Amino acid sequence: MWKYVNTKFILPDSGEKWVIQAIRDAWKRFKGKIKQKHFVPFDTIEDMVKNRPTQVPESQFIKLIYYWSHPTIQSISEKNKKHKEQQKFPHRMGPINFGRVRVALRATKETNEEPKRFEMFLATRTSRKRKKLIRKHKMQLMNSKIGKLLVKQMRKLLSLYLEKNNQVGLGAMEDLLHDVT
């Protein structure tokens, strides 16, 4: 594949790993879409072949159907579905590398210190819509006098709790409150 890509584009050798990964990921997405549209909805092989994607030759699609129908592959697929359903906090970064998120979080701090684990967790698992909503509520809270009083009281309680129990998990809440004031 790398040789073929080099016939079409001029790329440095350092880009080989990235190109191969991009091709692999695109191929996996393509197979997944084909399976969802042309394998899962149909019960018989005849229906699957009749409704096959036009860009896939019939002989290759039949082999693919038999592969997906194999008991070993079916059990692997079921196991993966089960694990995916059990995932409580999937990250929402897509192809963005966590290292880049860490660098961006470090840049937002005055002292350029490494972000804490809970900060990384929140940054990688909060949807963009939710982040906008949080910002909006922070502004509303910051503008209200009651909100400022609540923040001060919550800060005191959190710091006492954290000191007493030596816990870090609530640090995210403390930081959110800190950002508001």
C-alpha atoms as a PDB file:
ATOM      1  CA  MET A   1       0.000   0.000   0.000  1.00  0.00           C
ATOM      2  CA  TRP A   2       2.830   2.371   0.889  1.00  0.00           C
ATOM      3  CA  LYS A   3       4.380   1.906  -2.570  1.00  0.00           C
ATOM      4  CA  TYR A   4       1.047   2.631  -4.247  1.00  0.00           C
ATOM      5  CA  VAL A   5       0.519   5.786  -2.168  1.00  0.00           C
ATOM      6  CA  ASN A   6       4.025   6.947  -3.107  1.00  0.00           C
ATOM      7  CA  THR A   7       3.175   6.614  -6.798  1.00  0.00           C
ATOM      8  CA  LYS A   8       0.321   9.099  -6.276  1.00  0.00           C
ATOM      9  CA  PHE A   9       1.856  11.459  -3.699  1.00  0.00           C
ATOM     10  CA  ILE A  10       5.307  12.613  -2.667  1.00  0.00           C
ATOM     11  CA  LEU A  11       5.554  11.727   1.019  1.00  0.00           C
ATOM     12  CA  PRO A  12       8.496  11.375   3.397  1.00  0.00           C
ATOM     13  CA  ASP A  13       9.248   7.911   4.789  1.00  0.00           C
ATOM     14  CA  SER A  14       8.332   9.191   8.255  1.00  0.00           C
ATOM     15  CA  GLY A  15       4.694   9.377   7.102  1.00  0.00           C
ATOM     16  CA  GLU A  16       4.422   5.668   6.306  1.00  0.00           C
ATOM     17  CA  LYS A  17       3.022   4.671   9.694  1.00  0.00           C
ATOM     18  CA  TRP A  18       0.393   7.400   9.593  1.00  0.00           C
ATOM     19  CA  VAL A  19      -0.668   6.520   6.022  1.00  0.00           C
ATOM     20  CA  ILE A  20      -0.981   2.809   6.823  1.00  0.00           C
ATOM     21  CA  GLN A  21      -3.059   3.606   9.945  1.00  0.00           C
ATOM     22  CA  ALA A  22      -5.321   5.948   7.975  1.00  0.00           C
ATOM     23  CA  ILE A  23      -5.892   3.298   5.305  1.00  0.00           C
ATOM     24  CA  ARG A  24      -6.574   0.660   7.960  1.00  0.00           C
ATOM     25  CA  ASP A  25      -9.087   2.883   9.770  1.00  0.00           C
ATOM     26  CA  ALA A  26     -10.877   3.820   6.523  1.00  0.00           C
ATOM     27  CA  TRP A  27     -11.065   0.134   5.549  1.00  0.00           C
ATOM     28  CA  LYS A  28     -12.550  -0.784   8.955  1.00  0.00           C
ATOM     29  CA  ARG A  29     -15.177   1.970   8.669  1.00  0.00           C
ATOM     30  CA  PHE A  30     -16.048   0.839   5.136  1.00  0.00           C
ATOM     31  CA  LYS A  31     -16.506  -2.794   6.214  1.00  0.00           C
ATOM     32  CA  GLY A  32     -18.612  -1.719   9.186  1.00  0.00           C
ATOM     33  CA  LYS A  33     -20.926   0.343   6.985  1.00  0.00           C
ATOM     34  CA  ILE A  34     -21.312  -2.539   4.544  1.00  0.00           C
ATOM     35  CA  LYS A  35     -22.119  -4.937   7.374  1.00  0.00           C
ATOM     36  CA  GLN A  36     -24.726  -2.594   8.878  1.00  0.00           C
ATOM     37  CA  LYS A  37     -26.438  -1.825   5.552  1.00  0.00           C
ATOM     38  CA  HIS A  38     -26.141  -5.088   3.622  1.00  0.00           C
ATOM     39  CA  PHE A  39     -25.698  -7.930   6.136  1.00  0.00           C
ATOM     40  CA  VAL A  40     -27.497  -7.187   9.416  1.00  0.00           C
ATOM     41  CA  PRO A  41     -30.932  -6.140   8.031  1.00  0.00           C
ATOM     42  CA  PHE A  42     -31.388  -9.293   5.906  1.00  0.00           C
ATOM     43  CA  ASP A  43     -32.133 -12.851   7.003  1.00  0.00           C
ATOM     44  CA  THR A  44     -31.151 -14.918   3.973  1.00  0.00           C
ATOM     45  CA  ILE A  45     -27.996 -15.045   1.914  1.00  0.00           C
ATOM     46  CA  GLU A  46     -30.045 -14.517  -1.259  1.00  0.00           C
ATOM     47  CA  ASP A  47     -31.451 -11.244   0.105  1.00  0.00           C
ATOM     48  CA  MET A  48     -27.993 -10.112   1.164  1.00  0.00           C
ATOM     49  CA  VAL A  49     -26.507 -10.841  -2.283  1.00  0.00           C
ATOM     50  CA  LYS A  50     -29.492  -9.242  -4.011  1.00  0.00           C
ATOM     51  CA  ASN A  51     -28.992  -6.045  -1.964  1.00  0.00           C
ATOM     52  CA  ARG A  52     -25.197  -6.029  -2.009  1.00  0.00           C
ATOM     53  CA  PRO A  53     -23.265  -2.769  -2.512  1.00  0.00           C
ATOM     54  CA  THR A  54     -22.524  -2.142  -6.171  1.00  0.00           C
ATOM     55  CA  GLN A  55     -18.825  -1.421  -5.584  1.00  0.00           C
ATOM     56  CA  VAL A  56     -18.200  -4.915  -4.134  1.00  0.00           C
ATOM     57  CA  PRO A  57     -18.030  -7.826  -6.620  1.00  0.00           C
ATOM     58  CA  GLU A  58     -20.595 -10.552  -5.941  1.00  0.00           C
ATOM     59  CA  SER A  59     -17.997 -13.290  -5.432  1.00  0.00           C
ATOM     60  CA  GLN A  60     -16.158 -11.210  -2.812  1.00  0.00           C
ATOM     61  CA  PHE A  61     -19.393 -10.236  -1.070  1.00  0.00           C
ATOM     62  CA  ILE A  62     -20.440 -13.883  -0.783  1.00  0.00           C
ATOM     63  CA  LYS A  63     -17.093 -14.682   0.859  1.00  0.00           C
ATOM     64  CA  LEU A  64     -17.636 -11.769   3.214  1.00  0.00           C
ATOM     65  CA  ILE A  65     -21.123 -13.061   4.114  1.00  0.00           C
ATOM     66  CA  TYR A  66     -19.716 -16.495   4.934  1.00  0.00           C
ATOM     67  CA  TYR A  67     -16.975 -14.901   7.011  1.00  0.00           C
ATOM     68  CA  TRP A  68     -19.451 -12.798   9.027  1.00  0.00           C
ATOM     69  CA  SER A  69     -21.727 -15.855   9.419  1.00  0.00           C
ATOM     70  CA  HIS A  70     -18.978 -18.080  10.831  1.00  0.00           C
ATOM     71  CA  PRO A  71     -19.706 -19.047  14.489  1.00  0.00           C
ATOM     72  CA  THR A  72     -16.277 -17.896  15.714  1.00  0.00           C
ATOM     73  CA  ILE A  73     -16.679 -14.473  14.108  1.00  0.00           C
ATOM     74  CA  GLN A  74     -20.264 -14.239  15.415  1.00  0.00           C
ATOM     75  CA  SER A  75     -19.079 -14.954  18.981  1.00  0.00           C
ATOM     76  CA  ILE A  76     -16.314 -12.340  18.699  1.00  0.00           C
ATOM     77  CA  SER A  77     -18.853  -9.818  17.406  1.00  0.00           C
ATOM     78  CA  GLU A  78     -21.262 -10.561  20.269  1.00  0.00           C
ATOM     79  CA  LYS A  79     -18.467 -10.255  22.816  1.00  0.00           C
ATOM     80  CA  ASN A  80     -17.412  -6.891  21.359  1.00  0.00           C
ATOM     81  CA  LYS A  81     -21.023  -5.621  21.385  1.00  0.00           C
ATOM     82  CA  LYS A  82     -21.362  -6.625  25.026  1.00  0.00           C
ATOM     83  CA  HIS A  83     -18.144  -4.831  25.991  1.00  0.00           C
ATOM     84  CA  LYS A  84     -19.174  -1.727  24.050  1.00  0.00           C
ATOM     85  CA  GLU A  85     -22.512  -1.622  25.897  1.00  0.00           C
ATOM     86  CA  GLN A  86     -20.751  -1.922  29.261  1.00  0.00           C
ATOM     87  CA  GLN A  87     -18.590   1.102  28.568  1.00  0.00           C
ATOM     88  CA  LYS A  88     -19.890   3.840  30.854  1.00  0.00           C
ATOM     89  CA  PHE A  89     -17.756   6.813  29.880  1.00  0.00           C
ATOM     90  CA  PRO A  90     -16.642   6.599  26.244  1.00  0.00           C
ATOM     91  CA  HIS A  91     -14.207   9.289  25.163  1.00  0.00           C
ATOM     92  CA  ARG A  92     -15.541  11.832  22.710  1.00  0.00           C
ATOM     93  CA  MET A  93     -12.328  12.935  21.062  1.00  0.00           C
ATOM     94  CA  GLY A  94     -12.600  11.012  17.792  1.00  0.00           C
ATOM     95  CA  PRO A  95      -9.219  10.936  16.088  1.00  0.00           C
ATOM     96  CA  ILE A  96      -7.711  13.633  18.328  1.00  0.00           C
ATOM     97  CA  ASN A  97      -4.726  12.292  20.225  1.00  0.00           C
ATOM     98  CA  PHE A  98      -4.878  12.476  24.035  1.00  0.00           C
ATOM     99  CA  GLY A  99      -1.357  13.920  23.987  1.00  0.00           C
ATOM    100  CA  ARG A 100      -2.682  16.931  22.094  1.00  0.00           C
ATOM    101  CA  VAL A 101      -5.461  17.349  24.648  1.00  0.00           C
ATOM    102  CA  ARG A 102      -2.881  17.218  27.442  1.00  0.00           C
ATOM    103  CA  VAL A 103      -0.770  19.911  25.733  1.00  0.00           C
ATOM    104  CA  ALA A 104      -3.841  22.122  25.218  1.00  0.00           C
ATOM    105  CA  LEU A 105      -4.855  21.755  28.865  1.00  0.00           C
ATOM    106  CA  ARG A 106      -1.307  22.526  29.994  1.00  0.00           C
ATOM    107  CA  ALA A 107      -1.317  25.690  27.857  1.00  0.00           C
ATOM    108  CA  THR A 108      -4.454  26.973  29.583  1.00  0.00           C
ATOM    109  CA  LYS A 109      -2.767  26.920  32.989  1.00  0.00           C
ATOM    110  CA  GLU A 110      -0.717  29.860  34.187  1.00  0.00           C
ATOM    111  CA  THR A 111       2.139  27.676  35.469  1.00  0.00           C
ATOM    112  CA  ASN A 112       2.148  25.293  32.474  1.00  0.00           C
ATOM    113  CA  GLU A 113       1.804  22.353  34.846  1.00  0.00           C
ATOM    114  CA  GLU A 114       0.630  18.912  33.727  1.00  0.00           C
ATOM    115  CA  PRO A 115      -3.147  18.446  33.840  1.00  0.00           C
ATOM    116  CA  LYS A 116      -4.454  16.144  36.537  1.00  0.00           C
ATOM    117  CA  ARG A 117      -6.096  12.822  35.711  1.00  0.00           C
ATOM    118  CA  PHE A 118      -9.598  14.093  36.451  1.00  0.00           C
ATOM    119  CA  GLU A 119      -9.032  17.083  34.148  1.00  0.00           C
ATOM    120  CA  MET A 120      -8.041  14.750  31.319  1.00  0.00           C
ATOM    121  CA  PHE A 121     -11.044  12.561  32.081  1.00  0.00           C
ATOM    122  CA  LEU A 122     -13.454  15.499  31.920  1.00  0.00           C
ATOM    123  CA  ALA A 123     -11.848  16.994  28.824  1.00  0.00           C
ATOM    124  CA  THR A 124     -11.965  13.749  26.853  1.00  0.00           C
ATOM    125  CA  ARG A 125     -15.405  12.586  27.915  1.00  0.00           C
ATOM    126  CA  THR A 126     -17.534  15.715  27.731  1.00  0.00           C
ATOM    127  CA  SER A 127     -19.384  16.371  24.485  1.00  0.00           C
ATOM    128  CA  ARG A 128     -19.009  19.736  22.779  1.00  0.00           C
ATOM    129  CA  LYS A 129     -22.679  20.546  23.379  1.00  0.00           C
ATOM    130  CA  ARG A 130     -22.276  19.808  27.087  1.00  0.00           C
ATOM    131  CA  LYS A 131     -19.130  21.973  27.267  1.00  0.00           C
ATOM    132  CA  LYS A 132     -21.087  24.903  25.774  1.00  0.00           C
ATOM    133  CA  LEU A 133     -23.897  24.298  28.248  1.00  0.00           C
ATOM    134  CA  ILE A 134     -21.437  24.215  31.172  1.00  0.00           C
ATOM    135  CA  ARG A 135     -19.881  27.505  30.025  1.00  0.00           C
ATOM    136  CA  LYS A 136     -23.340  29.093  29.777  1.00  0.00           C
ATOM    137  CA  HIS A 137     -24.292  27.950  33.286  1.00  0.00           C
ATOM    138  CA  LYS A 138     -20.936  29.111  34.651  1.00  0.00           C
ATOM    139  CA  MET A 139     -21.608  32.603  33.302  1.00  0.00           C
ATOM    140  CA  GLN A 140     -25.116  32.667  34.775  1.00  0.00           C
ATOM    141  CA  LEU A 141     -23.801  31.455  38.115  1.00  0.00           C
ATOM    142  CA  MET A 142     -20.930  33.927  38.075  1.00  0.00           C
ATOM    143  CA  ASN A 143     -23.309  36.838  37.465  1.00  0.00           C
ATOM    144  CA  SER A 144     -25.579  36.043  40.384  1.00  0.00           C
ATOM    145  CA  LYS A 145     -24.756  37.080  43.971  1.00  0.00           C
ATOM    146  CA  ILE A 146     -26.280  33.916  45.373  1.00  0.00           C
ATOM    147  CA  GLY A 147     -24.082  31.914  43.033  1.00  0.00           C
ATOM    148  CA  LYS A 148     -20.960  33.621  44.328  1.00  0.00           C
ATOM    149  CA  LEU A 149     -21.937  32.909  47.922  1.00  0.00           C
ATOM    150  CA  LEU A 150     -22.691  29.299  47.082  1.00  0.00           C
ATOM    151  CA  VAL A 151     -19.348  28.922  45.364  1.00  0.00           C
ATOM    152  CA  LYS A 152     -17.479  30.252  48.399  1.00  0.00           C
ATOM    153  CA  GLN A 153     -19.343  27.906  50.738  1.00  0.00           C
ATOM    154  CA  MET A 154     -18.862  24.916  48.420  1.00  0.00           C
ATOM    155  CA  ARG A 155     -15.166  25.709  48.118  1.00  0.00           C
ATOM    156  CA  LYS A 156     -14.729  25.720  51.873  1.00  0.00           C
ATOM    157  CA  LEU A 157     -16.641  22.480  52.274  1.00  0.00           C
ATOM    158  CA  LEU A 158     -14.743  20.795  49.445  1.00  0.00           C
ATOM    159  CA  SER A 159     -11.344  21.845  50.721  1.00  0.00           C
ATOM    160  CA  LEU A 160     -12.210  20.599  54.213  1.00  0.00           C
ATOM    161  CA  TYR A 161     -13.476  17.341  52.814  1.00  0.00           C
ATOM    162  CA  LEU A 162     -10.433  16.878  50.581  1.00  0.00           C
ATOM    163  CA  GLU A 163      -8.024  17.622  53.414  1.00  0.00           C
ATOM    164  CA  LYS A 164      -9.832  15.311  55.797  1.00  0.00           C
ATOM    165  CA  ASN A 165     -10.165  12.385  53.370  1.00  0.00           C
ATOM    166  CA  ASN A 166      -7.110  13.051  51.197  1.00  0.00           C
ATOM    167  CA  GLN A 167      -9.131  12.429  48.038  1.00  0.00           C
ATOM    168  CA  VAL A 168      -8.586  13.736  44.558  1.00  0.00           C
ATOM    169  CA  GLY A 169     -11.820  12.682  42.805  1.00  0.00           C
ATOM    170  CA  LEU A 170     -13.743  15.796  43.770  1.00  0.00           C
ATOM    171  CA  GLY A 171     -10.968  18.036  42.519  1.00  0.00           C
ATOM    172  CA  ALA A 172     -12.809  18.383  39.227  1.00  0.00           C
ATOM    173  CA  MET A 173     -15.755  19.932  41.031  1.00  0.00           C
ATOM    174  CA  GLU A 174     -13.424  22.198  42.991  1.00  0.00           C
ATOM    175  CA  ASP A 175     -11.763  23.346  39.774  1.00  0.00           C
ATOM    176  CA  LEU A 176     -15.119  23.987  38.137  1.00  0.00           C
ATOM    177  CA  LEU A 177     -16.103  26.113  41.104  1.00  0.00           C
ATOM    178  CA  HIS A 178     -12.753  27.880  40.988  1.00  0.00           C
ATOM    179  CA  ASP A 179     -13.302  28.762  37.310  1.00  0.00           C
ATOM    180  CA  VAL A 180     -16.654  30.349  38.130  1.00  0.00           C
ATOM    181  CA  THR A 181     -15.258  32.940  40.539  1.00  0.00           C
END
